[in-house]
Amino acid sequence: MDDLIEFVPIVPSPCVNICRMNRVRGWCEGCGRTLAEIGRWGSTDAADRDAVMAELPGRMKAMAGG
């Protein structure tokens, strides 16, 4: 049975379990990602994830009014 278990790498995520979309900006109010970014997160490559992660602090600041 153990030979049937496939190793699945853990993909780091900015998710903080506050999953609510900001209707004005189209970003999650918890992590700052778009629905498209959230949807592809587990299957995209590290470069794409890194590019999204670089955008998140600015998005969160913008949603906070900064």
Protein backbone atom coordinates (compact mmCIF):
# COMPACT_ATOMS: atom_id res chain seq x y z
CA MET A 1 0.00 0.00 0.00
CA ASP A 2 2.84 2.44 0.79
CA ASP A 3 4.12 2.16 -2.75
CA LEU A 4 0.85 3.69 -3.99
CA ILE A 5 1.33 6.91 -2.04
CA GLU A 6 2.73 9.62 -4.28
CA PHE A 7 4.94 12.34 -2.85
CA VAL A 8 3.29 15.72 -3.30
CA PRO A 9 5.52 18.73 -2.60
CA ILE A 10 4.18 21.37 -0.25
CA VAL A 11 3.71 24.66 -2.07
CA PRO A 12 4.07 27.72 0.18
CA SER A 13 0.96 29.90 0.07
CA PRO A 14 0.15 33.42 1.25
CA CYS A 15 -3.35 32.23 2.26
CA VAL A 16 -4.34 33.27 5.77
CA ASN A 17 -7.83 31.69 5.65
CA ILE A 18 -9.63 35.01 5.24
CA CYS A 19 -11.15 34.21 1.88
CA ARG A 20 -13.23 37.20 0.86
CA MET A 21 -12.89 38.99 -2.45
CA ASN A 22 -12.65 42.77 -2.61
CA ARG A 23 -15.22 43.57 -5.30
CA VAL A 24 -13.62 46.87 -6.27
CA ARG A 25 -10.09 45.60 -6.81
CA GLY A 26 -10.74 41.90 -7.47
CA TRP A 27 -8.22 40.77 -4.84
CA CYS A 28 -8.68 38.47 -1.87
CA GLU A 29 -8.85 40.59 1.30
CA GLY A 30 -6.83 37.96 3.19
CA CYS A 31 -3.92 37.31 0.85
CA GLY A 32 -4.20 39.85 -1.98
CA ARG A 33 -4.37 37.35 -4.84
CA THR A 34 -6.85 37.37 -7.73
CA LEU A 35 -9.17 34.42 -8.30
CA ALA A 36 -7.03 33.39 -11.29
CA GLU A 37 -3.87 33.45 -9.16
CA ILE A 38 -5.55 31.43 -6.41
CA GLY A 39 -6.84 28.91 -8.95
CA ARG A 40 -3.48 28.23 -10.55
CA TRP A 41 -1.37 28.46 -7.37
CA GLY A 42 -0.78 24.74 -6.83
CA SER A 43 0.04 23.99 -10.46
CA THR A 44 2.07 27.01 -11.56
CA ASP A 45 5.85 27.29 -11.41
CA ALA A 46 7.97 28.95 -8.74
CA ALA A 47 8.74 31.97 -10.93
CA ASP A 48 5.04 32.76 -11.32
CA ARG A 49 4.41 32.30 -7.60
CA ASP A 50 7.40 34.55 -6.79
CA ALA A 51 6.10 37.24 -9.15
CA VAL A 52 2.67 37.15 -7.50
CA MET A 53 4.22 37.18 -4.01
CA ALA A 54 6.18 40.32 -4.94
CA GLU A 55 2.91 42.10 -5.80
CA LEU A 56 1.04 41.20 -2.62
CA PRO A 57 2.45 43.75 -0.14
CA GLY A 58 1.47 46.61 -2.45
CA ARG A 59 -2.00 45.18 -3.01
CA MET A 60 -2.59 44.71 0.72
CA LYS A 61 -1.43 48.28 1.38
CA ALA A 62 -3.74 49.58 -1.37
CA MET A 63 -6.71 47.75 0.11
CA ALA A 64 -5.89 49.16 3.55
CA GLY A 65 -6.09 52.66 2.08
CA GLY A 66 -2.38 53.27 1.93
